Structures are given as structure tokens and as C-alpha cells.
């Protein structure tokens, strides 16, 4: 049984790279991809994703907006994917 995964990044090449890496690993199924906050929230809710690869910077909004919107839902495990080290402290605070 595969773990349903949602990939959220506003850059298509980054999503493609994560998709390729997950294809090489057993036990994961990319259930959906999203490039913005609204699509990400909808994808998590629609797929019942258990794992979320989440970029922090999503245009004018952020991955933290996604987490705020799905709070209270059956929250997936989150792996933050960002090139911005200044977001690390807040990500760790959210655990």
C-alpha cells in the first residue's frame, strides 16, 4: 500500500524533481501537485494525503498559509522544501 503524497511548490521544475525522486522510492504515490495555497489546500483535502512536501514561499503567500488552512483536518506529515534558510526557525516551531 502506497502513501499518498501531495507536492506543493510554485516552481514546476521543483515539483518535477520531487516527483522523480519519489518515483525512485518504494511506497509513495504522488496523489496531487499544487503551485499555490488554494490548490494545495484543496489537494490535501481531496486526496487525504499522509505526506506533504511543502515549499515555504508560494508567490505572495506561503506554505504556512497552507498549514493554517488545514489545521484541524487530518494533518499530513510535512516536509518543508525551501531554499530560504530564514524560514527554518518558524518551520521547527511548528514541529
PDB file of N, CA and C in Angstrom:
ATOM      1  N   UNK A   1       0.842  -1.180   0.000  1.00  0.00           N
ATOM      2  CA  UNK A   1       0.000   0.000   0.000  1.00  0.00           C
ATOM      3  C   UNK A   1       0.885   1.241   0.000  1.00  0.00           C
ATOM      4  N   UNK A   2       0.624   2.145  -0.912  1.00  0.00           N
ATOM      5  CA  UNK A   2       1.436   3.345  -1.056  1.00  0.00           C
ATOM      6  C   UNK A   2       0.903   4.487  -0.209  1.00  0.00           C
ATOM      7  N   UNK A   3       1.825   5.321   0.248  1.00  0.00           N
ATOM      8  CA  UNK A   3       1.481   6.524   0.998  1.00  0.00           C
ATOM      9  C   UNK A   3       1.111   7.617   0.009  1.00  0.00           C
ATOM     10  N   UNK A   4      -0.095   8.201   0.130  1.00  0.00           N
ATOM     11  CA  UNK A   4      -0.457   9.294  -0.774  1.00  0.00           C
ATOM     12  C   UNK A   4       0.292  10.579  -0.416  1.00  0.00           C
ATOM     13  N   UNK A   5       0.884  11.189  -1.435  1.00  0.00           N
ATOM     14  CA  UNK A   5       1.743  12.356  -1.266  1.00  0.00           C
ATOM     15  C   UNK A   5       1.190  13.525  -2.082  1.00  0.00           C
ATOM     16  N   UNK A   6       1.264  14.731  -1.509  1.00  0.00           N
ATOM     17  CA  UNK A   6       0.979  15.950  -2.259  1.00  0.00           C
ATOM     18  C   UNK A   6       2.259  16.771  -2.291  1.00  0.00           C
ATOM     19  N   UNK A   7       2.603  17.247  -3.470  1.00  0.00           N
ATOM     20  CA  UNK A   7       3.780  18.095  -3.674  1.00  0.00           C
ATOM     21  C   UNK A   7       3.290  19.516  -3.926  1.00  0.00           C
ATOM     22  N   UNK A   8       3.789  20.467  -3.137  1.00  0.00           N
ATOM     23  CA  UNK A   8       3.384  21.867  -3.285  1.00  0.00           C
ATOM     24  C   UNK A   8       4.619  22.732  -3.499  1.00  0.00           C
ATOM     25  N   UNK A   9       4.707  23.322  -4.672  1.00  0.00           N
ATOM     26  CA  UNK A   9       5.797  24.240  -4.987  1.00  0.00           C
ATOM     27  C   UNK A   9       5.324  25.107  -6.146  1.00  0.00           C
ATOM     28  N   UNK A  10       5.629  26.388  -6.108  1.00  0.00           N
ATOM     29  CA  UNK A  10       5.187  27.273  -7.187  1.00  0.00           C
ATOM     30  C   UNK A  10       6.083  27.196  -8.417  1.00  0.00           C
ATOM     31  N   UNK A  11       7.139  26.410  -8.359  1.00  0.00           N
ATOM     32  CA  UNK A  11       8.043  26.253  -9.493  1.00  0.00           C
ATOM     33  C   UNK A  11       7.906  24.848 -10.067  1.00  0.00           C
ATOM     34  N   UNK A  12       7.381  24.717 -11.288  1.00  0.00           N
ATOM     35  CA  UNK A  12       7.196  23.398 -11.903  1.00  0.00           C
ATOM     36  C   UNK A  12       8.461  22.522 -11.926  1.00  0.00           C
ATOM     37  N   UNK A  13       9.676  23.075 -12.180  1.00  0.00           N
ATOM     38  CA  UNK A  13      10.858  22.208 -12.156  1.00  0.00           C
ATOM     39  C   UNK A  13      11.109  21.580 -10.774  1.00  0.00           C
ATOM     40  N   UNK A  14      10.805  22.306  -9.721  1.00  0.00           N
ATOM     41  CA  UNK A  14      10.985  21.759  -8.375  1.00  0.00           C
ATOM     42  C   UNK A  14       9.996  20.621  -8.126  1.00  0.00           C
ATOM     43  N   UNK A  15       8.752  20.808  -8.575  1.00  0.00           N
ATOM     44  CA  UNK A  15       7.760  19.732  -8.426  1.00  0.00           C
ATOM     45  C   UNK A  15       8.194  18.506  -9.225  1.00  0.00           C
ATOM     46  N   UNK A  16       8.696  18.735 -10.420  1.00  0.00           N
ATOM     47  CA  UNK A  16       9.132  17.618 -11.267  1.00  0.00           C
ATOM     48  C   UNK A  16      10.275  16.847 -10.623  1.00  0.00           C
ATOM     49  N   UNK A  17      11.198  17.550 -10.009  1.00  0.00           N
ATOM     50  CA  UNK A  17      12.327  16.876  -9.355  1.00  0.00           C
ATOM     51  C   UNK A  17      11.848  16.029  -8.189  1.00  0.00           C
ATOM     52  N   UNK A  18      10.951  16.564  -7.365  1.00  0.00           N
ATOM     53  CA  UNK A  18      10.413  15.779  -6.255  1.00  0.00           C
ATOM     54  C   UNK A  18       9.654  14.559  -6.774  1.00  0.00           C
ATOM     55  N   UNK A  19       8.883  14.746  -7.837  1.00  0.00           N
ATOM     56  CA  UNK A  19       8.136  13.632  -8.428  1.00  0.00           C
ATOM     57  C   UNK A  19       9.098  12.531  -8.888  1.00  0.00           C
ATOM     58  N   UNK A  20      10.206  12.926  -9.532  1.00  0.00           N
ATOM     59  CA  UNK A  20      11.205  11.934  -9.977  1.00  0.00           C
ATOM     60  C   UNK A  20      11.823  11.207  -8.790  1.00  0.00           C
ATOM     61  N   UNK A  21      12.177  11.947  -7.754  1.00  0.00           N
ATOM     62  CA  UNK A  21      12.781  11.318  -6.576  1.00  0.00           C
ATOM     63  C   UNK A  21      11.813  10.346  -5.904  1.00  0.00           C
ATOM     64  N   UNK A  22      10.554  10.719  -5.806  1.00  0.00           N
ATOM     65  CA  UNK A  22       9.566   9.837  -5.195  1.00  0.00           C
ATOM     66  C   UNK A  22       9.298   8.606  -6.052  1.00  0.00           C
ATOM     67  N   UNK A  23       9.397   8.742  -7.367  1.00  0.00           N
ATOM     68  CA  UNK A  23       9.198   7.602  -8.258  1.00  0.00           C
ATOM     69  C   UNK A  23      10.277   6.540  -8.052  1.00  0.00           C
ATOM     70  N   UNK A  24      11.442   6.963  -7.595  1.00  0.00           N
ATOM     71  CA  UNK A  24      12.547   6.035  -7.351  1.00  0.00           C
ATOM     72  C   UNK A  24      12.427   5.335  -5.999  1.00  0.00           C
ATOM     73  N   UNK A  25      11.550   5.822  -5.134  1.00  0.00           N
ATOM     74  CA  UNK A  25      11.386   5.248  -3.797  1.00  0.00           C
ATOM     75  C   UNK A  25      10.119   4.393  -3.754  1.00  0.00           C
ATOM     76  N   UNK A  26      10.207   3.280  -3.094  1.00  0.00           N
ATOM     77  CA  UNK A  26       9.040   2.417  -2.948  1.00  0.00           C
ATOM     78  C   UNK A  26       8.095   2.973  -1.890  1.00  0.00           C
ATOM     79  N   UNK A  27       6.817   2.754  -2.103  1.00  0.00           N
ATOM     80  CA  UNK A  27       5.842   3.045  -1.069  1.00  0.00           C
ATOM     81  C   UNK A  27       5.210   4.419  -1.105  1.00  0.00           C
ATOM     82  N   UNK A  28       5.450   5.184  -2.166  1.00  0.00           N
ATOM     83  CA  UNK A  28       4.873   6.523  -2.271  1.00  0.00           C
ATOM     84  C   UNK A  28       4.109   6.664  -3.583  1.00  0.00           C
ATOM     85  N   UNK A  29       2.988   7.360  -3.514  1.00  0.00           N
ATOM     86  CA  UNK A  29       2.210   7.662  -4.710  1.00  0.00           C
ATOM     87  C   UNK A  29       1.897   9.153  -4.713  1.00  0.00           C
ATOM     88  N   UNK A  30       2.349   9.857  -5.736  1.00  0.00           N
ATOM     89  CA  UNK A  30       2.035  11.285  -5.840  1.00  0.00           C
ATOM     90  C   UNK A  30       0.558  11.383  -6.221  1.00  0.00           C
ATOM     91  N   UNK A  31      -0.246  11.807  -5.243  1.00  0.00           N
ATOM     92  CA  UNK A  31      -1.694  11.892  -5.428  1.00  0.00           C
ATOM     93  C   UNK A  31      -2.098  13.203  -6.097  1.00  0.00           C
ATOM     94  N   UNK A  32      -1.286  14.252  -5.863  1.00  0.00           N
ATOM     95  CA  UNK A  32      -1.603  15.556  -6.442  1.00  0.00           C
ATOM     96  C   UNK A  32      -0.395  16.467  -6.333  1.00  0.00           C
ATOM     97  N   UNK A  33      -0.435  17.513  -7.157  1.00  0.00           N
ATOM     98  CA  UNK A  33       0.562  18.578  -7.111  1.00  0.00           C
ATOM     99  C   UNK A  33      -0.179  19.899  -7.092  1.00  0.00           C
ATOM    100  N   UNK A  34       0.452  20.908  -6.511  1.00  0.00           N
ATOM    101  CA  UNK A  34      -0.154  22.235  -6.470  1.00  0.00           C
ATOM    102  C   UNK A  34       0.945  23.281  -6.523  1.00  0.00           C
ATOM    103  N   UNK A  35       0.576  24.451  -7.068  1.00  0.00           N
ATOM    104  CA  UNK A  35       1.536  25.537  -7.192  1.00  0.00           C
ATOM    105  C   UNK A  35       1.150  26.776  -6.415  1.00  0.00           C
ATOM    106  N   UNK A  36       0.020  26.708  -5.691  1.00  0.00           N
ATOM    107  CA  UNK A  36      -0.401  27.865  -4.896  1.00  0.00           C
ATOM    108  C   UNK A  36      -1.167  27.377  -3.666  1.00  0.00           C
ATOM    109  N   UNK A  37      -1.444  28.292  -2.766  1.00  0.00           N
ATOM    110  CA  UNK A  37      -2.053  27.943  -1.479  1.00  0.00           C
ATOM    111  C   UNK A  37      -3.426  27.299  -1.663  1.00  0.00           C
ATOM    112  N   UNK A  38      -4.291  27.924  -2.442  1.00  0.00           N
ATOM    113  CA  UNK A  38      -5.653  27.413  -2.606  1.00  0.00           C
ATOM    114  C   UNK A  38      -5.663  26.008  -3.194  1.00  0.00           C
ATOM    115  N   UNK A  39      -4.861  25.787  -4.222  1.00  0.00           N
ATOM    116  CA  UNK A  39      -4.787  24.463  -4.847  1.00  0.00           C
ATOM    117  C   UNK A  39      -4.203  23.437  -3.889  1.00  0.00           C
ATOM    118  N   UNK A  40      -3.240  23.860  -3.092  1.00  0.00           N
ATOM    119  CA  UNK A  40      -2.624  22.949  -2.126  1.00  0.00           C
ATOM    120  C   UNK A  40      -3.632  22.491  -1.081  1.00  0.00           C
ATOM    121  N   UNK A  41      -4.385  23.428  -0.540  1.00  0.00           N
ATOM    122  CA  UNK A  41      -5.388  23.086   0.474  1.00  0.00           C
ATOM    123  C   UNK A  41      -6.419  22.130  -0.121  1.00  0.00           C
ATOM    124  N   UNK A  42      -6.890  22.436  -1.315  1.00  0.00           N
ATOM    125  CA  UNK A  42      -7.869  21.574  -1.979  1.00  0.00           C
ATOM    126  C   UNK A  42      -7.300  20.178  -2.226  1.00  0.00           C
ATOM    127  N   UNK A  43      -6.037  20.105  -2.648  1.00  0.00           N
ATOM    128  CA  UNK A  43      -5.408  18.814  -2.937  1.00  0.00           C
ATOM    129  C   UNK A  43      -5.261  17.969  -1.679  1.00  0.00           C
ATOM    130  N   UNK A  44      -4.827  18.581  -0.590  1.00  0.00           N
ATOM    131  CA  UNK A  44      -4.667  17.833   0.665  1.00  0.00           C
ATOM    132  C   UNK A  44      -6.016  17.282   1.112  1.00  0.00           C
ATOM    133  N   UNK A  45      -7.031  18.111   1.056  1.00  0.00           N
ATOM    134  CA  UNK A  45      -8.367  17.679   1.493  1.00  0.00           C
ATOM    135  C   UNK A  45      -8.955  16.614   0.570  1.00  0.00           C
ATOM    136  N   UNK A  46      -8.759  16.761  -0.733  1.00  0.00           N
ATOM    137  CA  UNK A  46      -9.356  15.829  -1.695  1.00  0.00           C
ATOM    138  C   UNK A  46      -8.682  14.463  -1.696  1.00  0.00           C
ATOM    139  N   UNK A  47      -7.380  14.442  -1.444  1.00  0.00           N
ATOM    140  CA  UNK A  47      -6.633  13.185  -1.563  1.00  0.00           C
ATOM    141  C   UNK A  47      -6.458  12.452  -0.237  1.00  0.00           C
ATOM    142  N   UNK A  48      -6.639  13.146   0.872  1.00  0.00           N
ATOM    143  CA  UNK A  48      -6.347  12.515   2.159  1.00  0.00           C
ATOM    144  C   UNK A  48      -4.869  12.226   2.305  1.00  0.00           C
ATOM    145  N   UNK A  49      -4.048  13.081   1.715  1.00  0.00           N
ATOM    146  CA  UNK A  49      -2.588  12.881   1.722  1.00  0.00           C
ATOM    147  C   UNK A  49      -2.069  12.657   3.130  1.00  0.00           C
ATOM    148  N   UNK A  50      -1.141  11.729   3.243  1.00  0.00           N
ATOM    149  CA  UNK A  50      -0.492  11.455   4.524  1.00  0.00           C
ATOM    150  C   UNK A  50       0.892  12.106   4.593  1.00  0.00           C
ATOM    151  N   UNK A  51       1.391  12.573   3.447  1.00  0.00           N
ATOM    152  CA  UNK A  51       2.704  13.206   3.376  1.00  0.00           C
ATOM    153  C   UNK A  51       2.603  14.407   2.452  1.00  0.00           C
ATOM    154  N   UNK A  52       3.144  15.531   2.902  1.00  0.00           N
ATOM    155  CA  UNK A  52       3.068  16.782   2.163  1.00  0.00           C
ATOM    156  C   UNK A  52       4.464  17.369   2.027  1.00  0.00           C
ATOM    157  N   UNK A  53       4.938  17.470   0.789  1.00  0.00           N
ATOM    158  CA  UNK A  53       6.178  18.187   0.516  1.00  0.00           C
ATOM    159  C   UNK A  53       5.765  19.620   0.224  1.00  0.00           C
ATOM    160  N   UNK A  54       6.188  20.554   1.079  1.00  0.00           N
ATOM    161  CA  UNK A  54       5.634  21.901   1.076  1.00  0.00           C
ATOM    162  C   UNK A  54       6.719  22.964   0.973  1.00  0.00           C
ATOM    163  N   UNK A  55       6.676  23.712  -0.111  1.00  0.00           N
ATOM    164  CA  UNK A  55       7.564  24.854  -0.271  1.00  0.00           C
ATOM    165  C   UNK A  55       7.070  25.969   0.650  1.00  0.00           C
ATOM    166  N   UNK A  56       7.969  26.744   1.186  1.00  0.00           N
ATOM    167  CA  UNK A  56       7.587  27.836   2.075  1.00  0.00           C
ATOM    168  C   UNK A  56       7.086  29.037   1.273  1.00  0.00           C
ATOM    169  N   UNK A  57       7.851  29.454   0.295  1.00  0.00           N
ATOM    170  CA  UNK A  57       7.497  30.647  -0.483  1.00  0.00           C
ATOM    171  C   UNK A  57       6.639  30.247  -1.672  1.00  0.00           C
ATOM    172  N   UNK A  58       5.384  30.673  -1.648  1.00  0.00           N
ATOM    173  CA  UNK A  58       4.438  30.350  -2.721  1.00  0.00           C
ATOM    174  C   UNK A  58       3.894  31.651  -3.293  1.00  0.00           C
ATOM    175  N   UNK A  59       4.699  32.304  -4.088  1.00  0.00           N
ATOM    176  CA  UNK A  59       4.305  33.606  -4.631  1.00  0.00           C
ATOM    177  C   UNK A  59       4.208  34.622  -3.508  1.00  0.00           C
ATOM    178  N   UNK A  60       3.076  35.302  -3.445  1.00  0.00           N
ATOM    179  CA  UNK A  60       2.877  36.318  -2.411  1.00  0.00           C
ATOM    180  C   UNK A  60       2.466  35.703  -1.073  1.00  0.00           C
ATOM    181  N   UNK A  61       2.152  34.430  -1.064  1.00  0.00           N
ATOM    182  CA  UNK A  61       1.734  33.750   0.163  1.00  0.00           C
ATOM    183  C   UNK A  61       2.778  32.714   0.545  1.00  0.00           C
ATOM    184  N   UNK A  62       2.452  31.865   1.526  1.00  0.00           N
ATOM    185  CA  UNK A  62       3.464  30.916   1.983  1.00  0.00           C
ATOM    186  C   UNK A  62       2.857  29.558   2.336  1.00  0.00           C
ATOM    187  N   UNK A  63       3.745  28.606   2.485  1.00  0.00           N
ATOM    188  CA  UNK A  63       3.346  27.277   2.935  1.00  0.00           C
ATOM    189  C   UNK A  63       2.711  27.317   4.314  1.00  0.00           C
ATOM    190  N   UNK A  64       3.079  28.300   5.111  1.00  0.00           N
ATOM    191  CA  UNK A  64       2.461  28.431   6.436  1.00  0.00           C
ATOM    192  C   UNK A  64       0.965  28.731   6.302  1.00  0.00           C
ATOM    193  N   UNK A  65       0.575  29.428   5.222  1.00  0.00           N
ATOM    194  CA  UNK A  65      -0.848  29.660   4.956  1.00  0.00           C
ATOM    195  C   UNK A  65      -1.567  28.338   4.686  1.00  0.00           C
ATOM    196  N   UNK A  66      -0.895  27.436   4.002  1.00  0.00           N
ATOM    197  CA  UNK A  66      -1.470  26.109   3.755  1.00  0.00           C
ATOM    198  C   UNK A  66      -1.704  25.401   5.079  1.00  0.00           C
ATOM    199  N   UNK A  67      -0.702  25.411   5.934  1.00  0.00           N
ATOM    200  CA  UNK A  67      -0.828  24.726   7.221  1.00  0.00           C
ATOM    201  C   UNK A  67      -1.934  25.328   8.072  1.00  0.00           C
ATOM    202  N   UNK A  68      -2.056  26.631   8.047  1.00  0.00           N
ATOM    203  CA  UNK A  68      -3.122  27.298   8.799  1.00  0.00           C
ATOM    204  C   UNK A  68      -4.494  26.854   8.289  1.00  0.00           C
ATOM    205  N   UNK A  69      -4.629  26.737   6.972  1.00  0.00           N
ATOM    206  CA  UNK A  69      -5.916  26.379   6.378  1.00  0.00           C
ATOM    207  C   UNK A  69      -6.322  24.935   6.659  1.00  0.00           C
ATOM    208  N   UNK A  70      -5.350  24.031   6.791  1.00  0.00           N
ATOM    209  CA  UNK A  70      -5.692  22.622   7.030  1.00  0.00           C
ATOM    210  C   UNK A  70      -5.641  22.252   8.506  1.00  0.00           C
ATOM    211  N   UNK A  71      -5.386  23.224   9.352  1.00  0.00           N
ATOM    212  CA  UNK A  71      -5.363  22.957  10.790  1.00  0.00           C
ATOM    213  C   UNK A  71      -6.706  22.350  11.196  1.00  0.00           C
ATOM    214  N   UNK A  72      -6.668  21.314  11.982  1.00  0.00           N
ATOM    215  CA  UNK A  72      -7.885  20.660  12.414  1.00  0.00           C
ATOM    216  C   UNK A  72      -8.284  19.507  11.518  1.00  0.00           C
ATOM    217  N   UNK A  73      -7.829  19.506  10.264  1.00  0.00           N
ATOM    218  CA  UNK A  73      -8.071  18.364   9.384  1.00  0.00           C
ATOM    219  C   UNK A  73      -7.113  17.246   9.814  1.00  0.00           C
ATOM    220  N   UNK A  74      -7.266  16.088   9.230  1.00  0.00           N
ATOM    221  CA  UNK A  74      -6.301  15.013   9.475  1.00  0.00           C
ATOM    222  C   UNK A  74      -4.992  15.443   8.818  1.00  0.00           C
ATOM    223  N   UNK A  75      -4.146  16.079   9.598  1.00  0.00           N
ATOM    224  CA  UNK A  75      -2.947  16.716   9.058  1.00  0.00           C
ATOM    225  C   UNK A  75      -1.909  15.689   8.601  1.00  0.00           C
ATOM    226  N   UNK A  76      -1.369  15.889   7.405  1.00  0.00           N
ATOM    227  CA  UNK A  76      -0.304  15.002   6.929  1.00  0.00           C
ATOM    228  C   UNK A  76       1.029  15.349   7.590  1.00  0.00           C
ATOM    229  N   UNK A  77       1.968  14.445   7.474  1.00  0.00           N
ATOM    230  CA  UNK A  77       3.344  14.728   7.860  1.00  0.00           C
ATOM    231  C   UNK A  77       3.862  15.726   6.834  1.00  0.00           C
ATOM    232  N   UNK A  78       4.577  16.756   7.302  1.00  0.00           N
ATOM    233  CA  UNK A  78       5.038  17.821   6.417  1.00  0.00           C
ATOM    234  C   UNK A  78       6.555  17.795   6.304  1.00  0.00           C
ATOM    235  N   UNK A  79       7.029  17.828   5.068  1.00  0.00           N
ATOM    236  CA  UNK A  79       8.446  18.004   4.780  1.00  0.00           C
ATOM    237  C   UNK A  79       8.560  19.347   4.078  1.00  0.00           C
ATOM    238  N   UNK A  80       9.192  20.314   4.755  1.00  0.00           N
ATOM    239  CA  UNK A  80       9.360  21.630   4.148  1.00  0.00           C
ATOM    240  C   UNK A  80      10.466  21.566   3.105  1.00  0.00           C
ATOM    241  N   UNK A  81      10.205  22.150   1.960  1.00  0.00           N
ATOM    242  CA  UNK A  81      11.184  22.200   0.879  1.00  0.00           C
ATOM    243  C   UNK A  81      11.365  23.662   0.509  1.00  0.00           C
ATOM    244  N   UNK A  82      12.487  24.229   0.933  1.00  0.00           N
ATOM    245  CA  UNK A  82      12.721  25.640   0.676  1.00  0.00           C
ATOM    246  C   UNK A  82      14.206  25.922   0.509  1.00  0.00           C
ATOM    247  N   UNK A  83      14.495  26.944  -0.244  1.00  0.00           N
ATOM    248  CA  UNK A  83      15.878  27.385  -0.417  1.00  0.00           C
ATOM    249  C   UNK A  83      16.196  28.532   0.528  1.00  0.00           C
ATOM    250  N   UNK A  84      15.229  28.926   1.359  1.00  0.00           N
ATOM    251  CA  UNK A  84      15.384  30.091   2.220  1.00  0.00           C
ATOM    252  C   UNK A  84      15.598  29.668   3.669  1.00  0.00           C
ATOM    253  N   UNK A  85      16.824  29.757   4.139  1.00  0.00           N
ATOM    254  CA  UNK A  85      17.140  29.302   5.495  1.00  0.00           C
ATOM    255  C   UNK A  85      16.443  30.119   6.574  1.00  0.00           C
ATOM    256  N   UNK A  86      16.049  31.358   6.268  1.00  0.00           N
ATOM    257  CA  UNK A  86      15.403  32.189   7.286  1.00  0.00           C
ATOM    258  C   UNK A  86      14.036  31.633   7.706  1.00  0.00           C
ATOM    259  N   UNK A  87      13.481  30.699   6.936  1.00  0.00           N
ATOM    260  CA  UNK A  87      12.200  30.099   7.297  1.00  0.00           C
ATOM    261  C   UNK A  87      12.363  28.898   8.226  1.00  0.00           C
ATOM    262  N   UNK A  88      13.567  28.428   8.432  1.00  0.00           N
ATOM    263  CA  UNK A  88      13.791  27.208   9.198  1.00  0.00           C
ATOM    264  C   UNK A  88      13.299  27.306  10.628  1.00  0.00           C
ATOM    265  N   UNK A  89      13.541  28.425  11.294  1.00  0.00           N
ATOM    266  CA  UNK A  89      13.136  28.553  12.700  1.00  0.00           C
ATOM    267  C   UNK A  89      11.636  28.417  12.831  1.00  0.00           C
ATOM    268  N   UNK A  90      10.886  29.114  12.007  1.00  0.00           N
ATOM    269  CA  UNK A  90       9.427  29.023  12.095  1.00  0.00           C
ATOM    270  C   UNK A  90       8.954  27.599  11.778  1.00  0.00           C
ATOM    271  N   UNK A  91       9.573  26.958  10.828  1.00  0.00           N
ATOM    272  CA  UNK A  91       9.196  25.590  10.488  1.00  0.00           C
ATOM    273  C   UNK A  91       9.415  24.661  11.679  1.00  0.00           C
ATOM    274  N   UNK A  92      10.535  24.813  12.362  1.00  0.00           N
ATOM    275  CA  UNK A  92      10.799  23.976  13.534  1.00  0.00           C
ATOM    276  C   UNK A  92       9.832  24.303  14.669  1.00  0.00           C
ATOM    277  N   UNK A  93       9.457  25.544  14.815  1.00  0.00           N
ATOM    278  CA  UNK A  93       8.484  25.911  15.851  1.00  0.00           C
ATOM    279  C   UNK A  93       7.150  25.224  15.637  1.00  0.00           C
ATOM    280  N   UNK A  94       6.782  25.001  14.378  1.00  0.00           N
ATOM    281  CA  UNK A  94       5.526  24.310  14.061  1.00  0.00           C
ATOM    282  C   UNK A  94       5.634  22.809  14.241  1.00  0.00           C
ATOM    283  N   UNK A  95       6.852  22.325  14.401  1.00  0.00           N
ATOM    284  CA  UNK A  95       7.155  20.911  14.578  1.00  0.00           C
ATOM    285  C   UNK A  95       6.717  20.123  13.380  1.00  0.00           C
TER     286      UNK A  95
END
